[in-house]
Amino acid sequence: MQPILSEALFRTLGDPTRRALFERLARDGEQSVHALTEQAGVSQPMVSRHLGALKAAGLVTDRRQGRETHYRARPEGLAPLVDWMALYGAFWNERFDALENLLGRMDQ
């Protein structure tokens, strides 16, 4: 049985630079590596390495246009994370409901 959430997705989003790159692409749309590097605060090779990790995790896609590579966020790549959070959200809601019922019975 395959885990609901891959460790690679957590590891990828755990890095603040990768998370910032993904957030910028999700917010501002497709951008070139050059444009991303200007605001990333790290070198172009480092930006490219981070984008490679995001691509491997299914969080971005790329396309070549001449000499430039452009990246676009794939928000649907977050689906395993959203599913995982929903699973544990339901778990905790059930636990809190059970606790509330127990405490209500104790008050009677």
PDB file of N, CA and C in Angstrom:
ATOM      1  N   MET A   1       0.845  -1.197   0.000  1.00  0.00           N
ATOM      2  CA  MET A   1       0.000   0.000   0.000  1.00  0.00           C
ATOM      3  C   MET A   1       0.878   1.244   0.000  1.00  0.00           C
ATOM      4  N   GLN A   2       0.622   2.143  -0.924  1.00  0.00           N
ATOM      5  CA  GLN A   2       1.411   3.371  -1.045  1.00  0.00           C
ATOM      6  C   GLN A   2       0.919   4.413  -0.058  1.00  0.00           C
ATOM      7  N   PRO A   3       1.842   5.155   0.590  1.00  0.00           N
ATOM      8  CA  PRO A   3       1.402   6.180   1.546  1.00  0.00           C
ATOM      9  C   PRO A   3       0.593   7.265   0.837  1.00  0.00           C
ATOM     10  N   ILE A   4      -0.325   7.863   1.592  1.00  0.00           N
ATOM     11  CA  ILE A   4      -1.173   8.926   1.053  1.00  0.00           C
ATOM     12  C   ILE A   4      -0.312  10.116   0.637  1.00  0.00           C
ATOM     13  N   LEU A   5       0.681  10.434   1.420  1.00  0.00           N
ATOM     14  CA  LEU A   5       1.518  11.604   1.170  1.00  0.00           C
ATOM     15  C   LEU A   5       2.962  11.159   1.061  1.00  0.00           C
ATOM     16  N   SER A   6       3.585  11.467  -0.061  1.00  0.00           N
ATOM     17  CA  SER A   6       4.969  11.057  -0.227  1.00  0.00           C
ATOM     18  C   SER A   6       5.898  11.925   0.612  1.00  0.00           C
ATOM     19  N   GLU A   7       6.923  11.288   1.094  1.00  0.00           N
ATOM     20  CA  GLU A   7       7.934  12.009   1.875  1.00  0.00           C
ATOM     21  C   GLU A   7       8.608  13.077   1.018  1.00  0.00           C
ATOM     22  N   ALA A   8       8.725  12.800  -0.290  1.00  0.00           N
ATOM     23  CA  ALA A   8       9.371  13.754  -1.195  1.00  0.00           C
ATOM     24  C   ALA A   8       8.612  15.078  -1.247  1.00  0.00           C
ATOM     25  N   LEU A   9       7.285  15.019  -1.200  1.00  0.00           N
ATOM     26  CA  LEU A   9       6.504  16.254  -1.237  1.00  0.00           C
ATOM     27  C   LEU A   9       6.759  17.093   0.017  1.00  0.00           C
ATOM     28  N   PHE A  10       6.770  16.438   1.181  1.00  0.00           N
ATOM     29  CA  PHE A  10       7.086  17.157   2.418  1.00  0.00           C
ATOM     30  C   PHE A  10       8.497  17.737   2.371  1.00  0.00           C
ATOM     31  N   ARG A  11       9.446  16.924   1.937  1.00  0.00           N
ATOM     32  CA  ARG A  11      10.838  17.363   1.876  1.00  0.00           C
ATOM     33  C   ARG A  11      10.979  18.554   0.926  1.00  0.00           C
ATOM     34  N   THR A  12      10.300  18.476  -0.213  1.00  0.00           N
ATOM     35  CA  THR A  12      10.382  19.548  -1.200  1.00  0.00           C
ATOM     36  C   THR A  12       9.818  20.844  -0.645  1.00  0.00           C
ATOM     37  N   LEU A  13       8.657  20.780  -0.044  1.00  0.00           N
ATOM     38  CA  LEU A  13       8.025  21.991   0.494  1.00  0.00           C
ATOM     39  C   LEU A  13       8.649  22.440   1.807  1.00  0.00           C
ATOM     40  N   GLY A  14       9.452  21.582   2.423  1.00  0.00           N
ATOM     41  CA  GLY A  14      10.109  21.935   3.674  1.00  0.00           C
ATOM     42  C   GLY A  14      11.213  22.954   3.503  1.00  0.00           C
ATOM     43  N   ASP A  15      11.717  23.103   2.296  1.00  0.00           N
ATOM     44  CA  ASP A  15      12.783  24.070   2.039  1.00  0.00           C
ATOM     45  C   ASP A  15      12.167  25.443   1.778  1.00  0.00           C
ATOM     46  N   PRO A  16      12.576  26.468   2.537  1.00  0.00           N
ATOM     47  CA  PRO A  16      11.952  27.792   2.385  1.00  0.00           C
ATOM     48  C   PRO A  16      12.149  28.423   1.005  1.00  0.00           C
ATOM     49  N   THR A  17      13.284  28.181   0.364  1.00  0.00           N
ATOM     50  CA  THR A  17      13.507  28.752  -0.969  1.00  0.00           C
ATOM     51  C   THR A  17      12.584  28.104  -1.984  1.00  0.00           C
ATOM     52  N   ARG A  18      12.452  26.772  -1.921  1.00  0.00           N
ATOM     53  CA  ARG A  18      11.546  26.080  -2.847  1.00  0.00           C
ATOM     54  C   ARG A  18      10.102  26.500  -2.604  1.00  0.00           C
ATOM     55  N   ARG A  19       9.740  26.611  -1.337  1.00  0.00           N
ATOM     56  CA  ARG A  19       8.375  27.022  -1.013  1.00  0.00           C
ATOM     57  C   ARG A  19       8.103  28.422  -1.562  1.00  0.00           C
ATOM     58  N   ALA A  20       9.063  29.327  -1.423  1.00  0.00           N
ATOM     59  CA  ALA A  20       8.898  30.697  -1.929  1.00  0.00           C
ATOM     60  C   ALA A  20       8.794  30.709  -3.452  1.00  0.00           C
ATOM     61  N   LEU A  21       9.587  29.896  -4.128  1.00  0.00           N
ATOM     62  CA  LEU A  21       9.507  29.822  -5.587  1.00  0.00           C
ATOM     63  C   LEU A  21       8.137  29.301  -6.022  1.00  0.00           C
ATOM     64  N   PHE A  22       7.673  28.245  -5.359  1.00  0.00           N
ATOM     65  CA  PHE A  22       6.367  27.690  -5.697  1.00  0.00           C
ATOM     66  C   PHE A  22       5.257  28.722  -5.446  1.00  0.00           C
ATOM     67  N   GLU A  23       5.311  29.395  -4.307  1.00  0.00           N
ATOM     68  CA  GLU A  23       4.295  30.398  -3.975  1.00  0.00           C
ATOM     69  C   GLU A  23       4.293  31.537  -4.987  1.00  0.00           C
ATOM     70  N   ARG A  24       5.482  31.944  -5.400  1.00  0.00           N
ATOM     71  CA  ARG A  24       5.568  33.036  -6.380  1.00  0.00           C
ATOM     72  C   ARG A  24       4.963  32.610  -7.712  1.00  0.00           C
ATOM     73  N   LEU A  25       5.271  31.397  -8.148  1.00  0.00           N
ATOM     74  CA  LEU A  25       4.702  30.905  -9.404  1.00  0.00           C
ATOM     75  C   LEU A  25       3.189  30.741  -9.298  1.00  0.00           C
ATOM     76  N   ALA A  26       2.717  30.261  -8.167  1.00  0.00           N
ATOM     77  CA  ALA A  26       1.280  30.081  -7.978  1.00  0.00           C
ATOM     78  C   ALA A  26       0.561  31.430  -7.963  1.00  0.00           C
ATOM     79  N   ARG A  27       1.179  32.419  -7.360  1.00  0.00           N
ATOM     80  CA  ARG A  27       0.573  33.749  -7.223  1.00  0.00           C
ATOM     81  C   ARG A  27       0.675  34.561  -8.515  1.00  0.00           C
ATOM     82  N   ASP A  28       1.879  34.568  -9.135  1.00  0.00           N
ATOM     83  CA  ASP A  28       2.145  35.474 -10.252  1.00  0.00           C
ATOM     84  C   ASP A  28       2.083  34.820 -11.629  1.00  0.00           C
ATOM     85  N   GLY A  29       1.947  33.511 -11.676  1.00  0.00           N
ATOM     86  CA  GLY A  29       1.890  32.818 -12.967  1.00  0.00           C
ATOM     87  C   GLY A  29       3.267  32.462 -13.494  1.00  0.00           C
ATOM     88  N   GLU A  30       3.269  31.998 -14.724  1.00  0.00           N
ATOM     89  CA  GLU A  30       4.495  31.503 -15.352  1.00  0.00           C
ATOM     90  C   GLU A  30       5.590  32.561 -15.369  1.00  0.00           C
ATOM     91  N   GLN A  31       6.836  32.099 -15.076  1.00  0.00           N
ATOM     92  CA  GLN A  31       7.982  33.004 -15.056  1.00  0.00           C
ATOM     93  C   GLN A  31       9.219  32.271 -15.559  1.00  0.00           C
ATOM     94  N   SER A  32      10.140  33.047 -16.105  1.00  0.00           N
ATOM     95  CA  SER A  32      11.407  32.480 -16.555  1.00  0.00           C
ATOM     96  C   SER A  32      12.338  32.271 -15.363  1.00  0.00           C
ATOM     97  N   VAL A  33      13.333  31.426 -15.563  1.00  0.00           N
ATOM     98  CA  VAL A  33      14.336  31.214 -14.516  1.00  0.00           C
ATOM     99  C   VAL A  33      15.019  32.535 -14.193  1.00  0.00           C
ATOM    100  N   HIS A  34      15.282  33.323 -15.220  1.00  0.00           N
ATOM    101  CA  HIS A  34      15.934  34.620 -15.013  1.00  0.00           C
ATOM    102  C   HIS A  34      15.094  35.513 -14.098  1.00  0.00           C
ATOM    103  N   ALA A  35      13.799  35.605 -14.366  1.00  0.00           N
ATOM    104  CA  ALA A  35      12.918  36.440 -13.544  1.00  0.00           C
ATOM    105  C   ALA A  35      12.832  35.919 -12.113  1.00  0.00           C
ATOM    106  N   LEU A  36      12.788  34.607 -11.960  1.00  0.00           N
ATOM    107  CA  LEU A  36      12.731  34.016 -10.618  1.00  0.00           C
ATOM    108  C   LEU A  36      14.020  34.268  -9.846  1.00  0.00           C
ATOM    109  N   THR A  37      15.148  34.214 -10.547  1.00  0.00           N
ATOM    110  CA  THR A  37      16.448  34.412  -9.903  1.00  0.00           C
ATOM    111  C   THR A  37      16.595  35.827  -9.369  1.00  0.00           C
ATOM    112  N   GLU A  38      16.040  36.802 -10.080  1.00  0.00           N
ATOM    113  CA  GLU A  38      16.165  38.203  -9.665  1.00  0.00           C
ATOM    114  C   GLU A  38      15.642  38.455  -8.252  1.00  0.00           C
ATOM    115  N   GLN A  39      14.625  37.716  -7.838  1.00  0.00           N
ATOM    116  CA  GLN A  39      14.038  37.963  -6.514  1.00  0.00           C
ATOM    117  C   GLN A  39      14.274  36.831  -5.526  1.00  0.00           C
ATOM    118  N   ALA A  40      14.985  35.789  -5.948  1.00  0.00           N
ATOM    119  CA  ALA A  40      15.136  34.611  -5.078  1.00  0.00           C
ATOM    120  C   ALA A  40      16.182  34.797  -3.981  1.00  0.00           C
ATOM    121  N   GLY A  41      17.153  35.656  -4.205  1.00  0.00           N
ATOM    122  CA  GLY A  41      18.195  35.843  -3.203  1.00  0.00           C
ATOM    123  C   GLY A  41      19.258  34.758  -3.218  1.00  0.00           C
ATOM    124  N   VAL A  42      19.231  33.905  -4.247  1.00  0.00           N
ATOM    125  CA  VAL A  42      20.260  32.875  -4.422  1.00  0.00           C
ATOM    126  C   VAL A  42      20.674  32.874  -5.888  1.00  0.00           C
ATOM    127  N   SER A  43      21.741  32.169  -6.203  1.00  0.00           N
ATOM    128  CA  SER A  43      22.278  32.161  -7.563  1.00  0.00           C
ATOM    129  C   SER A  43      21.352  31.433  -8.539  1.00  0.00           C
ATOM    130  N   GLN A  44      21.567  31.689  -9.828  1.00  0.00           N
ATOM    131  CA  GLN A  44      20.766  31.037 -10.863  1.00  0.00           C
ATOM    132  C   GLN A  44      20.915  29.514 -10.820  1.00  0.00           C
ATOM    133  N   PRO A  45      22.141  28.969 -10.653  1.00  0.00           N
ATOM    134  CA  PRO A  45      22.235  27.510 -10.559  1.00  0.00           C
ATOM    135  C   PRO A  45      21.448  26.947  -9.372  1.00  0.00           C
ATOM    136  N   MET A  46      21.412  27.680  -8.268  1.00  0.00           N
ATOM    137  CA  MET A  46      20.656  27.220  -7.102  1.00  0.00           C
ATOM    138  C   MET A  46      19.154  27.283  -7.384  1.00  0.00           C
ATOM    139  N   VAL A  47      18.693  28.347  -8.042  1.00  0.00           N
ATOM    140  CA  VAL A  47      17.282  28.447  -8.417  1.00  0.00           C
ATOM    141  C   VAL A  47      16.914  27.278  -9.328  1.00  0.00           C
ATOM    142  N   SER A  48      17.761  26.993 -10.306  1.00  0.00           N
ATOM    143  CA  SER A  48      17.504  25.876 -11.223  1.00  0.00           C
ATOM    144  C   SER A  48      17.446  24.549 -10.479  1.00  0.00           C
ATOM    145  N   ARG A  49      18.314  24.368  -9.509  1.00  0.00           N
ATOM    146  CA  ARG A  49      18.308  23.138  -8.710  1.00  0.00           C
ATOM    147  C   ARG A  49      17.003  23.017  -7.915  1.00  0.00           C
ATOM    148  N   HIS A  50      16.563  24.121  -7.303  1.00  0.00           N
ATOM    149  CA  HIS A  50      15.307  24.112  -6.554  1.00  0.00           C
ATOM    150  C   HIS A  50      14.111  23.850  -7.474  1.00  0.00           C
ATOM    151  N   LEU A  51      14.129  24.462  -8.659  1.00  0.00           N
ATOM    152  CA  LEU A  51      13.045  24.233  -9.618  1.00  0.00           C
ATOM    153  C   LEU A  51      13.026  22.778 -10.073  1.00  0.00           C
ATOM    154  N   GLY A  52      14.202  22.170 -10.197  1.00  0.00           N
ATOM    155  CA  GLY A  52      14.274  20.750 -10.548  1.00  0.00           C
ATOM    156  C   GLY A  52      13.625  19.882  -9.484  1.00  0.00           C
ATOM    157  N   ALA A  53      13.836  20.229  -8.228  1.00  0.00           N
ATOM    158  CA  ALA A  53      13.219  19.480  -7.128  1.00  0.00           C
ATOM    159  C   ALA A  53      11.702  19.667  -7.142  1.00  0.00           C
ATOM    160  N   LEU A  54      11.245  20.890  -7.399  1.00  0.00           N
ATOM    161  CA  LEU A  54       9.808  21.146  -7.487  1.00  0.00           C
ATOM    162  C   LEU A  54       9.187  20.371  -8.655  1.00  0.00           C
ATOM    163  N   LYS A  55       9.907  20.304  -9.753  1.00  0.00           N
ATOM    164  CA  LYS A  55       9.410  19.566 -10.921  1.00  0.00           C
ATOM    165  C   LYS A  55       9.343  18.065 -10.614  1.00  0.00           C
ATOM    166  N   ALA A  56      10.375  17.536  -9.979  1.00  0.00           N
ATOM    167  CA  ALA A  56      10.398  16.113  -9.630  1.00  0.00           C
ATOM    168  C   ALA A  56       9.254  15.745  -8.687  1.00  0.00           C
ATOM    169  N   ALA A  57       8.838  16.684  -7.845  1.00  0.00           N
ATOM    170  CA  ALA A  57       7.737  16.453  -6.904  1.00  0.00           C
ATOM    171  C   ALA A  57       6.370  16.689  -7.552  1.00  0.00           C
ATOM    172  N   GLY A  58       6.363  17.111  -8.823  1.00  0.00           N
ATOM    173  CA  GLY A  58       5.105  17.335  -9.520  1.00  0.00           C
ATOM    174  C   GLY A  58       4.439  18.662  -9.202  1.00  0.00           C
ATOM    175  N   LEU A  59       5.219  19.601  -8.673  1.00  0.00           N
ATOM    176  CA  LEU A  59       4.651  20.892  -8.267  1.00  0.00           C
ATOM    177  C   LEU A  59       4.785  21.990  -9.317  1.00  0.00           C
ATOM    178  N   VAL A  60       5.666  21.792 -10.302  1.00  0.00           N
ATOM    179  CA  VAL A  60       5.818  22.758 -11.393  1.00  0.00           C
ATOM    180  C   VAL A  60       6.025  22.009 -12.709  1.00  0.00           C
ATOM    181  N   THR A  61       5.744  22.709 -13.808  1.00  0.00           N
ATOM    182  CA  THR A  61       6.079  22.221 -15.143  1.00  0.00           C
ATOM    183  C   THR A  61       6.970  23.267 -15.783  1.00  0.00           C
ATOM    184  N   ASP A  62       7.693  22.854 -16.794  1.00  0.00           N
ATOM    185  CA  ASP A  62       8.559  23.796 -17.491  1.00  0.00           C
ATOM    186  C   ASP A  62       8.341  23.697 -18.993  1.00  0.00           C
ATOM    187  N   ARG A  63       8.742  24.760 -19.680  1.00  0.00           N
ATOM    188  CA  ARG A  63       8.720  24.776 -21.142  1.00  0.00           C
ATOM    189  C   ARG A  63       9.854  25.665 -21.619  1.00  0.00           C
ATOM    190  N   ARG A  64      10.441  25.265 -22.713  1.00  0.00           N
ATOM    191  CA  ARG A  64      11.520  26.049 -23.304  1.00  0.00           C
ATOM    192  C   ARG A  64      10.937  27.047 -24.290  1.00  0.00           C
ATOM    193  N   GLN A  65      11.488  28.250 -24.275  1.00  0.00           N
ATOM    194  CA  GLN A  65      11.153  29.266 -25.267  1.00  0.00           C
ATOM    195  C   GLN A  65      12.471  29.920 -25.647  1.00  0.00           C
ATOM    196  N   GLY A  66      13.003  29.518 -26.778  1.00  0.00           N
ATOM    197  CA  GLY A  66      14.317  30.007 -27.172  1.00  0.00           C
ATOM    198  C   GLY A  66      15.362  29.511 -26.187  1.00  0.00           C
ATOM    199  N   ARG A  67      16.109  30.439 -25.621  1.00  0.00           N
ATOM    200  CA  ARG A  67      17.163  30.080 -24.661  1.00  0.00           C
ATOM    201  C   ARG A  67      16.673  30.083 -23.221  1.00  0.00           C
ATOM    202  N   GLU A  68      15.438  30.484 -23.013  1.00  0.00           N
ATOM    203  CA  GLU A  68      14.879  30.589 -21.659  1.00  0.00           C
ATOM    204  C   GLU A  68      14.006  29.385 -21.324  1.00  0.00           C
ATOM    205  N   THR A  69      14.020  29.016 -20.057  1.00  0.00           N
ATOM    206  CA  THR A  69      13.086  28.013 -19.550  1.00  0.00           C
ATOM    207  C   THR A  69      12.097  28.739 -18.653  1.00  0.00           C
ATOM    208  N   HIS A  70      10.831  28.478 -18.882  1.00  0.00           N
ATOM    209  CA  HIS A  70       9.748  29.096 -18.113  1.00  0.00           C
ATOM    210  C   HIS A  70       9.087  28.024 -17.254  1.00  0.00           C
ATOM    211  N   TYR A  71       8.742  28.405 -16.042  1.00  0.00           N
ATOM    212  CA  TYR A  71       8.107  27.479 -15.101  1.00  0.00           C
ATOM    213  C   TYR A  71       6.729  27.978 -14.735  1.00  0.00           C
ATOM    214  N   ARG A  72       5.856  27.013 -14.497  1.00  0.00           N
ATOM    215  CA  ARG A  72       4.473  27.292 -14.091  1.00  0.00           C
ATOM    216  C   ARG A  72       4.136  26.368 -12.924  1.00  0.00           C
ATOM    217  N   ALA A  73       3.428  26.908 -11.936  1.00  0.00           N
ATOM    218  CA  ALA A  73       3.017  26.104 -10.776  1.00  0.00           C
ATOM    219  C   ALA A  73       1.950  25.107 -11.201  1.00  0.00           C
ATOM    220  N   ARG A  74       1.956  23.958 -10.561  1.00  0.00           N
ATOM    221  CA  ARG A  74       0.916  22.935 -10.713  1.00  0.00           C
ATOM    222  C   ARG A  74       0.245  22.761  -9.353  1.00  0.00           C
ATOM    223  N   PRO A  75      -0.727  23.619  -9.017  1.00  0.00           N
ATOM    224  CA  PRO A  75      -1.371  23.508  -7.704  1.00  0.00           C
ATOM    225  C   PRO A  75      -1.961  22.125  -7.450  1.00  0.00           C
ATOM    226  N   GLU A  76      -2.369  21.422  -8.508  1.00  0.00           N
ATOM    227  CA  GLU A  76      -2.910  20.075  -8.323  1.00  0.00           C
ATOM    228  C   GLU A  76      -1.857  19.114  -7.764  1.00  0.00           C
ATOM    229  N   GLY A  77      -0.592  19.485  -7.852  1.00  0.00           N
ATOM    230  CA  GLY A  77       0.475  18.691  -7.253  1.00  0.00           C
ATOM    231  C   GLY A  77       0.373  18.653  -5.731  1.00  0.00           C
ATOM    232  N   LEU A  78      -0.383  19.597  -5.162  1.00  0.00           N
ATOM    233  CA  LEU A  78      -0.586  19.643  -3.711  1.00  0.00           C
ATOM    234  C   LEU A  78      -1.711  18.713  -3.254  1.00  0.00           C
ATOM    235  N   ALA A  79      -2.410  18.058  -4.187  1.00  0.00           N
ATOM    236  CA  ALA A  79      -3.557  17.215  -3.841  1.00  0.00           C
ATOM    237  C   ALA A  79      -3.236  16.180  -2.760  1.00  0.00           C
ATOM    238  N   PRO A  80      -2.093  15.483  -2.828  1.00  0.00           N
ATOM    239  CA  PRO A  80      -1.806  14.524  -1.747  1.00  0.00           C
ATOM    240  C   PRO A  80      -1.711  15.192  -0.377  1.00  0.00           C
ATOM    241  N   LEU A  81      -1.170  16.393  -0.322  1.00  0.00           N
ATOM    242  CA  LEU A  81      -1.076  17.126   0.943  1.00  0.00           C
ATOM    243  C   LEU A  81      -2.463  17.529   1.435  1.00  0.00           C
ATOM    244  N   VAL A  82      -3.299  18.008   0.536  1.00  0.00           N
ATOM    245  CA  VAL A  82      -4.660  18.399   0.894  1.00  0.00           C
ATOM    246  C   VAL A  82      -5.442  17.182   1.385  1.00  0.00           C
ATOM    247  N   ASP A  83      -5.296  16.044   0.690  1.00  0.00           N
ATOM    248  CA  ASP A  83      -5.980  14.810   1.109  1.00  0.00           C
ATOM    249  C   ASP A  83      -5.514  14.370   2.490  1.00  0.00           C
ATOM    250  N   TRP A  84      -4.217  14.460   2.723  1.00  0.00           N
ATOM    251  CA  TRP A  84      -3.644  14.053   4.014  1.00  0.00           C
ATOM    252  C   TRP A  84      -4.189  14.938   5.133  1.00  0.00           C
ATOM    253  N   MET A  85      -4.240  16.253   4.861  1.00  0.00           N
ATOM    254  CA  MET A  85      -4.750  17.180   5.873  1.00  0.00           C
ATOM    255  C   MET A  85      -6.233  16.935   6.139  1.00  0.00           C
ATOM    256  N   ALA A  86      -7.000  16.613   5.102  1.00  0.00           N
ATOM    257  CA  ALA A  86      -8.427  16.331   5.279  1.00  0.00           C
ATOM    258  C   ALA A  86      -8.626  15.078   6.124  1.00  0.00           C
ATOM    259  N   LEU A  87      -7.796  14.065   5.887  1.00  0.00           N
ATOM    260  CA  LEU A  87      -7.878  12.827   6.663  1.00  0.00           C
ATOM    261  C   LEU A  87      -7.653  13.102   8.147  1.00  0.00           C
ATOM    262  N   TYR A  88      -6.612  13.848   8.454  1.00  0.00           N
ATOM    263  CA  TYR A  88      -6.320  14.135   9.853  1.00  0.00           C
ATOM    264  C   TYR A  88      -7.256  15.187  10.437  1.00  0.00           C
ATOM    265  N   GLY A  89      -7.792  16.054   9.606  1.00  0.00           N
ATOM    266  CA  GLY A  89      -8.805  16.995  10.081  1.00  0.00           C
ATOM    267  C   GLY A  89     -10.048  16.256  10.539  1.00  0.00           C
ATOM    268  N   ALA A  90     -10.475  15.265   9.755  1.00  0.00           N
ATOM    269  CA  ALA A  90     -11.636  14.458  10.134  1.00  0.00           C
ATOM    270  C   ALA A  90     -11.342  13.658  11.404  1.00  0.00           C
ATOM    271  N   PHE A  91     -10.131  13.112  11.500  1.00  0.00           N
ATOM    272  CA  PHE A  91      -9.726  12.364  12.687  1.00  0.00           C
ATOM    273  C   PHE A  91      -9.857  13.216  13.940  1.00  0.00           C
ATOM    274  N   TRP A  92      -9.310  14.439  13.902  1.00  0.00           N
ATOM    275  CA  TRP A  92      -9.347  15.299  15.080  1.00  0.00           C
ATOM    276  C   TRP A  92     -10.753  15.800  15.373  1.00  0.00           C
ATOM    277  N   ASN A  93     -11.546  16.041  14.349  1.00  0.00           N
ATOM    278  CA  ASN A  93     -12.939  16.436  14.583  1.00  0.00           C
ATOM    279  C   ASN A  93     -13.695  15.337  15.331  1.00  0.00           C
ATOM    280  N   GLU A  94     -13.483  14.087  14.932  1.00  0.00           N
ATOM    281  CA  GLU A  94     -14.122  12.962  15.632  1.00  0.00           C
ATOM    282  C   GLU A  94     -13.657  12.885  17.081  1.00  0.00           C
ATOM    283  N   ARG A  95     -12.377  13.084  17.308  1.00  0.00           N
ATOM    284  CA  ARG A  95     -11.835  13.033  18.669  1.00  0.00           C
ATOM    285  C   ARG A  95     -12.406  14.139  19.550  1.00  0.00           C
ATOM    286  N   PHE A  96     -12.482  15.343  19.001  1.00  0.00           N
ATOM    287  CA  PHE A  96     -13.027  16.457  19.776  1.00  0.00           C
ATOM    288  C   PHE A  96     -14.520  16.258  20.054  1.00  0.00           C
ATOM    289  N   ASP A  97     -15.252  15.716  19.071  1.00  0.00           N
ATOM    290  CA  ASP A  97     -16.670  15.424  19.298  1.00  0.00           C
ATOM    291  C   ASP A  97     -16.837  14.401  20.406  1.00  0.00           C
ATOM    292  N   ALA A  98     -16.003  13.351  20.405  1.00  0.00           N
ATOM    293  CA  ALA A  98     -16.072  12.324  21.454  1.00  0.00           C
ATOM    294  C   ALA A  98     -15.742  12.928  22.819  1.00  0.00           C
ATOM    295  N   LEU A  99     -14.747  13.798  22.871  1.00  0.00           N
ATOM    296  CA  LEU A  99     -14.385  14.452  24.130  1.00  0.00           C
ATOM    297  C   LEU A  99     -15.525  15.338  24.615  1.00  0.00           C
ATOM    298  N   GLU A 100     -16.132  16.083  23.700  1.00  0.00           N
ATOM    299  CA  GLU A 100     -17.255  16.948  24.061  1.00  0.00           C
ATOM    300  C   GLU A 100     -18.418  16.119  24.608  1.00  0.00           C
ATOM    301  N   ASN A 101     -18.705  14.985  23.979  1.00  0.00           N
ATOM    302  CA  ASN A 101     -19.770  14.102  24.471  1.00  0.00           C
ATOM    303  C   ASN A 101     -19.440  13.558  25.857  1.00  0.00           C
ATOM    304  N   LEU A 102     -18.204  13.164  26.067  1.00  0.00           N
ATOM    305  CA  LEU A 102     -17.779  12.639  27.351  1.00  0.00           C
ATOM    306  C   LEU A 102     -17.911  13.705  28.436  1.00  0.00           C
ATOM    307  N   LEU A 103     -17.440  14.903  28.140  1.00  0.00           N
ATOM    308  CA  LEU A 103     -17.537  15.982  29.123  1.00  0.00           C
ATOM    309  C   LEU A 103     -18.975  16.364  29.397  1.00  0.00           C
ATOM    310  N   GLY A 104     -19.828  16.295  28.393  1.00  0.00           N
ATOM    311  CA  GLY A 104     -21.247  16.589  28.585  1.00  0.00           C
ATOM    312  C   GLY A 104     -21.912  15.587  29.495  1.00  0.00           C
ATOM    313  N   ARG A 105     -21.524  14.316  29.378  1.00  0.00           N
ATOM    314  CA  ARG A 105     -22.083  13.286  30.249  1.00  0.00           C
ATOM    315  C   ARG A 105     -21.603  13.441  31.689  1.00  0.00           C
ATOM    316  N   MET A 106     -20.405  13.964  31.851  1.00  0.00           N
ATOM    317  CA  MET A 106     -19.849  14.138  33.205  1.00  0.00           C
ATOM    318  C   MET A 106     -20.562  15.267  33.938  1.00  0.00           C
ATOM    319  N   ASP A 107     -21.063  16.260  33.194  1.00  0.00           N
ATOM    320  CA  ASP A 107     -21.757  17.398  33.792  1.00  0.00           C
ATOM    321  C   ASP A 107     -23.163  17.024  34.278  1.00  0.00           C
ATOM    322  N   GLN A 108     -23.700  15.932  33.784  1.00  0.00           N
ATOM    323  CA  GLN A 108     -25.084  15.557  34.130  1.00  0.00           C
ATOM    324  C   GLN A 108     -25.196  14.878  35.444  1.00  0.00           C
TER     325      GLN A 108
END
